[in-house]
C-alpha atoms as a PDB file:
ATOM      1  CA  MET A   1      94.307 123.430 139.280  1.00  0.00           C
ATOM      2  CA  LYS A   2      95.662 126.979 139.455  1.00  0.00           C
ATOM      3  CA  LEU A   3      98.176 127.890 136.766  1.00  0.00           C
ATOM      4  CA  HIS A   4     101.110 130.071 137.779  1.00  0.00           C
ATOM      5  CA  SER A   5     102.772 132.606 135.483  1.00  0.00           C
ATOM      6  CA  SER A   6     106.527 133.272 135.419  1.00  0.00           C
ATOM      7  CA  VAL A   7     105.743 136.865 134.361  1.00  0.00           C
ATOM      8  CA  ALA A   8     103.743 139.451 136.310  1.00  0.00           C
ATOM      9  CA  PHE A   9     102.029 140.937 133.276  1.00  0.00           C
ATOM     10  CA  PRO A  10     100.846 144.551 133.563  1.00  0.00           C
ATOM     11  CA  ASP A  11      97.577 145.829 132.121  1.00  0.00           C
ATOM     12  CA  PRO A  12      97.751 145.045 128.388  1.00  0.00           C
ATOM     13  CA  ARG A  13      97.077 148.713 127.658  1.00  0.00           C
ATOM     14  CA  GLU A  14     100.359 149.741 129.313  1.00  0.00           C
ATOM     15  CA  THR A  15     102.704 148.903 126.459  1.00  0.00           C
ATOM     16  CA  LEU A  16     106.162 150.106 125.584  1.00  0.00           C
ATOM     17  CA  ALA A  17     107.354 150.832 122.040  1.00  0.00           C
ATOM     18  CA  GLU A  18     105.862 148.732 119.212  1.00  0.00           C
ATOM     19  CA  GLY A  19     103.364 147.028 121.478  1.00  0.00           C
ATOM     20  CA  ILE A  20     105.932 145.355 123.742  1.00  0.00           C
ATOM     21  CA  LEU A  21     104.386 144.714 127.153  1.00  0.00           C
ATOM     22  CA  ALA A  22     106.914 142.588 129.032  1.00  0.00           C
ATOM     23  CA  VAL A  23     110.364 141.047 128.664  1.00  0.00           C
ATOM     24  CA  GLY A  24     111.632 137.681 129.908  1.00  0.00           C
ATOM     25  CA  GLY A  25     109.909 134.790 131.599  1.00  0.00           C
ATOM     26  CA  LYS A  26     109.312 131.227 130.509  1.00  0.00           C
ATOM     27  CA  LEU A  27     107.145 129.669 127.837  1.00  0.00           C
ATOM     28  CA  ASP A  28     105.508 127.309 130.294  1.00  0.00           C
ATOM     29  CA  VAL A  29     101.832 126.375 130.411  1.00  0.00           C
ATOM     30  CA  GLY A  30     100.946 128.755 133.238  1.00  0.00           C
ATOM     31  CA  THR A  31     102.641 131.751 131.651  1.00  0.00           C
ATOM     32  CA  LEU A  32     101.134 131.099 128.218  1.00  0.00           C
ATOM     33  CA  TYR A  33      97.657 130.629 129.715  1.00  0.00           C
ATOM     34  CA  THR A  34      97.896 133.869 131.677  1.00  0.00           C
ATOM     35  CA  ALA A  35      99.211 135.810 128.682  1.00  0.00           C
ATOM     36  CA  TYR A  36      96.570 134.664 126.189  1.00  0.00           C
ATOM     37  CA  SER A  37      93.764 135.161 128.718  1.00  0.00           C
ATOM     38  CA  MET A  38      94.846 138.829 128.840  1.00  0.00           C
ATOM     39  CA  GLY A  39      95.212 139.234 125.065  1.00  0.00           C
ATOM     40  CA  ILE A  40      99.020 139.022 125.151  1.00  0.00           C
ATOM     41  CA  PHE A  41     101.200 136.805 122.974  1.00  0.00           C
ATOM     42  CA  PRO A  42     104.929 135.946 122.824  1.00  0.00           C
ATOM     43  CA  TRP A  43     107.053 136.733 119.795  1.00  0.00           C
ATOM     44  CA  PRO A  44     110.699 135.703 120.145  1.00  0.00           C
ATOM     45  CA  GLN A  45     113.422 137.832 118.574  1.00  0.00           C
ATOM     46  CA  PRO A  46     117.006 136.690 117.884  1.00  0.00           C
ATOM     47  CA  ASN A  47     119.482 137.263 120.736  1.00  0.00           C
ATOM     48  CA  LEU A  48     116.857 138.837 123.003  1.00  0.00           C
ATOM     49  CA  PRO A  49     114.916 137.588 126.035  1.00  0.00           C
ATOM     50  CA  MET A  50     111.329 136.577 125.322  1.00  0.00           C
ATOM     51  CA  LEU A  51     109.173 139.525 124.282  1.00  0.00           C
ATOM     52  CA  TRP A  52     105.446 139.703 125.037  1.00  0.00           C
ATOM     53  CA  PHE A  53     103.155 141.844 122.895  1.00  0.00           C
ATOM     54  CA  SER A  54      99.849 143.672 123.074  1.00  0.00           C
ATOM     55  CA  PRO A  55      99.925 145.540 119.729  1.00  0.00           C
ATOM     56  CA  ASP A  56      98.147 148.786 118.843  1.00  0.00           C
ATOM     57  CA  LYS A  57      96.268 147.014 116.052  1.00  0.00           C
ATOM     58  CA  ARG A  58      94.965 143.474 116.245  1.00  0.00           C
ATOM     59  CA  GLY A  59      93.741 141.259 113.436  1.00  0.00           C
ATOM     60  CA  VAL A  60      90.350 139.643 113.980  1.00  0.00           C
ATOM     61  CA  LEU A  61      87.949 137.630 111.876  1.00  0.00           C
ATOM     62  CA  GLU A  62      84.337 138.138 112.901  1.00  0.00           C
ATOM     63  CA  PHE A  63      82.340 135.236 111.571  1.00  0.00           C
ATOM     64  CA  LYS A  64      79.457 137.473 110.515  1.00  0.00           C
ATOM     65  CA  ASP A  65      81.958 138.993 108.058  1.00  0.00           C
ATOM     66  CA  LEU A  66      83.311 135.642 106.827  1.00  0.00           C
ATOM     67  CA  HIS A  67      83.543 135.740 103.058  1.00  0.00           C
ATOM     68  CA  VAL A  68      84.374 132.546 101.193  1.00  0.00           C
ATOM     69  CA  PRO A  69      85.390 133.340  97.599  1.00  0.00           C
ATOM     70  CA  ALA A  70      83.407 131.473  94.961  1.00  0.00           C
ATOM     71  CA  SER A  71      86.672 130.220  93.476  1.00  0.00           C
ATOM     72  CA  LEU A  72      87.554 128.551  96.788  1.00  0.00           C
ATOM     73  CA  GLN A  73      84.147 126.916  97.017  1.00  0.00           C
ATOM     74  CA  ARG A  74      84.564 125.602  93.452  1.00  0.00           C
ATOM     75  CA  HIS A  75      88.032 124.305  94.283  1.00  0.00           C
ATOM     76  CA  LEU A  76      86.663 122.266  97.186  1.00  0.00           C
ATOM     77  CA  ARG A  77      83.778 120.884  95.111  1.00  0.00           C
ATOM     78  CA  LYS A  78      86.174 119.828  92.340  1.00  0.00           C
ATOM     79  CA  ASN A  79      88.487 118.071  94.778  1.00  0.00           C
ATOM     80  CA  PRO A  80      86.330 115.717  96.870  1.00  0.00           C
ATOM     81  CA  GLN A  81      89.485 113.897  97.987  1.00  0.00           C
ATOM     82  CA  ILE A  82      90.290 116.851 100.267  1.00  0.00           C
ATOM     83  CA  GLN A  83      89.400 116.150 103.887  1.00  0.00           C
ATOM     84  CA  PHE A  84      89.772 117.988 107.182  1.00  0.00           C
ATOM     85  CA  THR A  85      90.661 116.886 110.693  1.00  0.00           C
ATOM     86  CA  VAL A  86      90.963 118.680 114.039  1.00  0.00           C
ATOM     87  CA  ASN A  87      93.781 118.019 116.514  1.00  0.00           C
ATOM     88  CA  LYS A  88      94.945 114.850 114.768  1.00  0.00           C
ATOM     89  CA  ASP A  89      98.485 115.989 113.897  1.00  0.00           C
ATOM     90  CA  PHE A  90      99.249 119.109 115.931  1.00  0.00           C
ATOM     91  CA  ARG A  91     102.995 118.476 115.962  1.00  0.00           C
ATOM     92  CA  GLN A  92     103.207 118.096 112.192  1.00  0.00           C
ATOM     93  CA  VAL A  93     101.202 121.273 111.671  1.00  0.00           C
ATOM     94  CA  ILE A  94     103.400 123.406 113.927  1.00  0.00           C
ATOM     95  CA  GLU A  95     106.579 121.910 112.451  1.00  0.00           C
ATOM     96  CA  GLU A  96     105.360 122.568 108.905  1.00  0.00           C
ATOM     97  CA  CYS A  97     104.476 126.138 109.895  1.00  0.00           C
ATOM     98  CA  ALA A  98     108.038 126.565 111.177  1.00  0.00           C
ATOM     99  CA  LYS A  99     109.374 125.518 107.762  1.00  0.00           C
ATOM    100  CA  GLN A 100     106.984 127.675 105.717  1.00  0.00           C
ATOM    101  CA  PRO A 101     108.856 130.449 103.829  1.00  0.00           C
ATOM    102  CA  ARG A 102     107.717 133.949 104.836  1.00  0.00           C
ATOM    103  CA  PRO A 103     108.182 136.925 102.496  1.00  0.00           C
ATOM    104  CA  GLY A 104     110.742 139.335 103.892  1.00  0.00           C
ATOM    105  CA  GLN A 105     111.783 137.025 106.738  1.00  0.00           C
ATOM    106  CA  ASP A 106     114.933 135.007 107.293  1.00  0.00           C
ATOM    107  CA  GLY A 107     114.252 131.869 109.273  1.00  0.00           C
ATOM    108  CA  THR A 108     111.256 131.529 111.549  1.00  0.00           C
ATOM    109  CA  TRP A 109     110.021 132.761 114.907  1.00  0.00           C
ATOM    110  CA  ILE A 110     108.722 129.223 115.578  1.00  0.00           C
ATOM    111  CA  THR A 111     111.926 128.036 117.218  1.00  0.00           C
ATOM    112  CA  PRO A 112     112.458 124.509 118.576  1.00  0.00           C
ATOM    113  CA  ALA A 113     111.817 125.926 122.056  1.00  0.00           C
ATOM    114  CA  MET A 114     108.496 127.366 120.821  1.00  0.00           C
ATOM    115  CA  VAL A 115     107.525 123.997 119.335  1.00  0.00           C
ATOM    116  CA  ARG A 116     108.240 122.243 122.635  1.00  0.00           C
ATOM    117  CA  SER A 117     106.317 124.830 124.630  1.00  0.00           C
ATOM    118  CA  TYR A 118     103.253 124.744 122.410  1.00  0.00           C
ATOM    119  CA  MET A 119     103.293 120.952 122.371  1.00  0.00           C
ATOM    120  CA  ASP A 120     103.112 121.133 126.190  1.00  0.00           C
ATOM    121  CA  PHE A 121     100.301 123.683 125.852  1.00  0.00           C
ATOM    122  CA  PHE A 122      98.493 121.397 123.402  1.00  0.00           C
ATOM    123  CA  ASN A 123      98.888 118.401 125.724  1.00  0.00           C
ATOM    124  CA  ALA A 124      97.416 120.540 128.531  1.00  0.00           C
ATOM    125  CA  GLY A 125      94.329 121.129 126.358  1.00  0.00           C
ATOM    126  CA  TYR A 126      94.837 124.744 125.283  1.00  0.00           C
ATOM    127  CA  CYS A 127      95.774 124.475 121.601  1.00  0.00           C
ATOM    128  CA  LEU A 128      93.927 123.494 118.466  1.00  0.00           C
ATOM    129  CA  SER A 129      94.980 122.538 114.957  1.00  0.00           C
ATOM    130  CA  VAL A 130      93.189 121.932 111.681  1.00  0.00           C
ATOM    131  CA  GLU A 131      94.779 119.612 109.141  1.00  0.00           C
ATOM    132  CA  VAL A 132      93.928 119.663 105.438  1.00  0.00           C
ATOM    133  CA  ARG A 133      94.513 116.345 103.728  1.00  0.00           C
ATOM    134  CA  GLU A 134      94.482 115.271 100.100  1.00  0.00           C
ATOM    135  CA  ASN A 135      94.422 111.519  99.620  1.00  0.00           C
ATOM    136  CA  ASN A 136      95.403 111.190 103.306  1.00  0.00           C
ATOM    137  CA  VAL A 137      98.523 113.367 102.886  1.00  0.00           C
ATOM    138  CA  ILE A 138      98.656 116.667 104.797  1.00  0.00           C
ATOM    139  CA  ILE A 139      98.828 119.583 102.348  1.00  0.00           C
ATOM    140  CA  GLY A 140      98.017 122.461 104.696  1.00  0.00           C
ATOM    141  CA  GLY A 141      96.994 123.432 108.171  1.00  0.00           C
ATOM    142  CA  ILE A 142      96.622 126.041 110.863  1.00  0.00           C
ATOM    143  CA  TYR A 143      97.216 126.039 114.599  1.00  0.00           C
ATOM    144  CA  GLY A 144      96.510 128.346 117.488  1.00  0.00           C
ATOM    145  CA  VAL A 145      95.609 128.713 121.121  1.00  0.00           C
ATOM    146  CA  LEU A 146      92.174 128.277 122.686  1.00  0.00           C
ATOM    147  CA  VAL A 147      92.027 129.922 126.114  1.00  0.00           C
ATOM    148  CA  GLN A 148      88.905 131.057 127.995  1.00  0.00           C
ATOM    149  CA  GLY A 149      86.684 130.731 124.954  1.00  0.00           C
ATOM    150  CA  VAL A 150      88.890 132.759 122.589  1.00  0.00           C
ATOM    151  CA  PHE A 151      90.859 131.229 119.725  1.00  0.00           C
ATOM    152  CA  SER A 152      94.090 133.010 118.791  1.00  0.00           C
ATOM    153  CA  GLY A 153      95.557 131.902 115.483  1.00  0.00           C
ATOM    154  CA  GLU A 154      99.333 131.500 115.487  1.00  0.00           C
ATOM    155  CA  SER A 155     100.404 130.288 112.047  1.00  0.00           C
ATOM    156  CA  MET A 156      99.337 128.384 108.947  1.00  0.00           C
ATOM    157  CA  PHE A 157     101.054 126.637 106.057  1.00  0.00           C
ATOM    158  CA  TYR A 158     100.301 125.206 102.657  1.00  0.00           C
ATOM    159  CA  LYS A 159     101.964 122.745 100.309  1.00  0.00           C
ATOM    160  CA  LYS A 160      99.390 123.111  97.549  1.00  0.00           C
ATOM    161  CA  PRO A 161      97.435 126.162  96.344  1.00  0.00           C
ATOM    162  CA  ASN A 162      94.422 127.140  98.476  1.00  0.00           C
ATOM    163  CA  ALA A 163      95.295 124.729 101.306  1.00  0.00           C
ATOM    164  CA  SER A 164      95.816 127.439 103.937  1.00  0.00           C
ATOM    165  CA  LYS A 165      92.618 129.223 102.864  1.00  0.00           C
ATOM    166  CA  LEU A 166      90.722 125.949 103.178  1.00  0.00           C
ATOM    167  CA  ALA A 167      92.192 125.417 106.655  1.00  0.00           C
ATOM    168  CA  LEU A 168      91.086 128.869 107.789  1.00  0.00           C
ATOM    169  CA  TRP A 169      87.610 128.445 106.298  1.00  0.00           C
ATOM    170  CA  TYR A 170      87.144 125.073 107.985  1.00  0.00           C
ATOM    171  CA  LEU A 171      88.454 126.446 111.280  1.00  0.00           C
ATOM    172  CA  ALA A 172      86.007 129.363 111.167  1.00  0.00           C
ATOM    173  CA  ASP A 173      83.078 126.993 110.549  1.00  0.00           C
ATOM    174  CA  TYR A 174      84.305 124.680 113.315  1.00  0.00           C
ATOM    175  CA  LEU A 175      84.588 127.511 115.836  1.00  0.00           C
ATOM    176  CA  LYS A 176      81.135 128.822 114.843  1.00  0.00           C
ATOM    177  CA  SER A 177      79.711 125.372 115.548  1.00  0.00           C
ATOM    178  CA  GLN A 178      81.252 125.596 119.026  1.00  0.00           C
ATOM    179  CA  GLY A 179      79.529 128.914 119.779  1.00  0.00           C
ATOM    180  CA  HIS A 180      82.313 131.335 118.840  1.00  0.00           C
ATOM    181  CA  LYS A 181      81.511 134.603 117.053  1.00  0.00           C
ATOM    182  CA  TRP A 182      85.052 135.646 116.142  1.00  0.00           C
ATOM    183  CA  MET A 183      88.691 134.657 116.268  1.00  0.00           C
ATOM    184  CA  ASP A 184      91.923 136.519 116.920  1.00  0.00           C
ATOM    185  CA  VAL A 185      94.270 136.288 113.924  1.00  0.00           C
ATOM    186  CA  GLN A 186      96.925 138.673 115.317  1.00  0.00           C
ATOM    187  CA  MET A 187      97.994 139.943 111.869  1.00  0.00           C
ATOM    188  CA  VAL A 188      95.886 140.313 108.719  1.00  0.00           C
ATOM    189  CA  THR A 189      97.730 138.481 105.968  1.00  0.00           C
ATOM    190  CA  PRO A 190      96.408 138.434 102.380  1.00  0.00           C
ATOM    191  CA  VAL A 191      94.875 135.000 103.052  1.00  0.00           C
ATOM    192  CA  VAL A 192      93.086 136.248 106.177  1.00  0.00           C
ATOM    193  CA  GLU A 193      91.950 139.438 104.435  1.00  0.00           C
ATOM    194  CA  SER A 194      90.517 137.445 101.530  1.00  0.00           C
ATOM    195  CA  LEU A 195      88.140 135.705 103.964  1.00  0.00           C
ATOM    196  CA  GLY A 196      87.078 138.881 105.776  1.00  0.00           C
ATOM    197  CA  GLY A 197      89.794 139.552 108.360  1.00  0.00           C
ATOM    198  CA  LYS A 198      90.365 143.121 109.506  1.00  0.00           C
ATOM    199  CA  TYR A 199      92.309 145.185 112.036  1.00  0.00           C
ATOM    200  CA  VAL A 200      90.769 146.681 115.154  1.00  0.00           C
ATOM    201  CA  ASP A 201      92.467 148.917 117.702  1.00  0.00           C
ATOM    202  CA  ARG A 202      93.739 147.554 121.004  1.00  0.00           C
ATOM    203  CA  GLU A 203      90.845 148.904 123.071  1.00  0.00           C
ATOM    204  CA  THR A 204      88.269 147.354 120.733  1.00  0.00           C
ATOM    205  CA  TYR A 205      90.051 144.016 120.838  1.00  0.00           C
ATOM    206  CA  LEU A 206      90.342 144.000 124.619  1.00  0.00           C
ATOM    207  CA  GLY A 207      86.642 144.850 124.827  1.00  0.00           C
ATOM    208  CA  MET A 208      85.826 141.863 122.605  1.00  0.00           C
ATOM    209  CA  LEU A 209      88.011 139.670 124.806  1.00  0.00           C
ATOM    210  CA  GLU A 210      86.386 140.855 128.031  1.00  0.00           C
ATOM    211  CA  ASN A 211      82.879 140.429 126.599  1.00  0.00           C
ATOM    212  CA  ARG A 212      83.692 136.853 125.604  1.00  0.00           C
ATOM    213  CA  HIS A 213      84.954 136.085 129.099  1.00  0.00           C
ATOM    214  CA  LYS A 214      81.749 137.565 130.575  1.00  0.00           C
ATOM    215  CA  GLU A 215      79.627 135.411 128.245  1.00  0.00           C
ATOM    216  CA  LEU A 216      81.386 132.286 129.465  1.00  0.00           C
ATOM    217  CA  SER A 217      81.120 133.357 133.095  1.00  0.00           C
ATOM    218  CA  LEU A 218      77.384 134.015 132.785  1.00  0.00           C
ATOM    219  CA  GLY A 219      76.880 130.735 130.966  1.00  0.00           C
ATOM    220  CA  SER A 220      78.639 128.771 133.688  1.00  0.00           C
ATOM    221  CA  HIS A 221      76.287 130.224 136.308  1.00  0.00           C
ATOM    222  CA  GLN A 222      73.046 129.491 134.488  1.00  0.00           C
END
């Protein structure tokens, strides 16, 4: 089935100010698929049409650089009641991320319309979530988009210390087990940096994206 985009995206190198690439369009499955396959993501702003970004700097976590602090490993060993699941409670994860306080931000960019759109994207098979549970209660999680062999992290949350770090660590190991070598994290937060995340320039990121697509294409023809 061919997916149709409501936006005719230009080359992701042809950005306007602050990495803005396009304005308007819908957050439907076809548009989201097309955007992420090109390394573009939406970021809604109050009282503006939808904005689509291809920023100058992009956060990535290469799994060869994954660093798990000893303190985090000890925390997991001391708390055997902590368990992890994948794609069991996507809606709760995205809704908890929407409620997570962000330093220096009023409200959230994860609007009700975003939640609905990404639920549709999840139901179409293009999203992934990790849930961290303690005694069967969700205490943290992370969600993102998985399109053409590339995972793009969108947001994470925690209700107890270390829960978001544990979610990211588990996600990295899960993706490695599926043949991934890196993940897109968009922005390098302190949590991401603590596990080895870094910024690369746009051209480097787009090269990584294109190489991943080539790997999948070659694999499908073998």
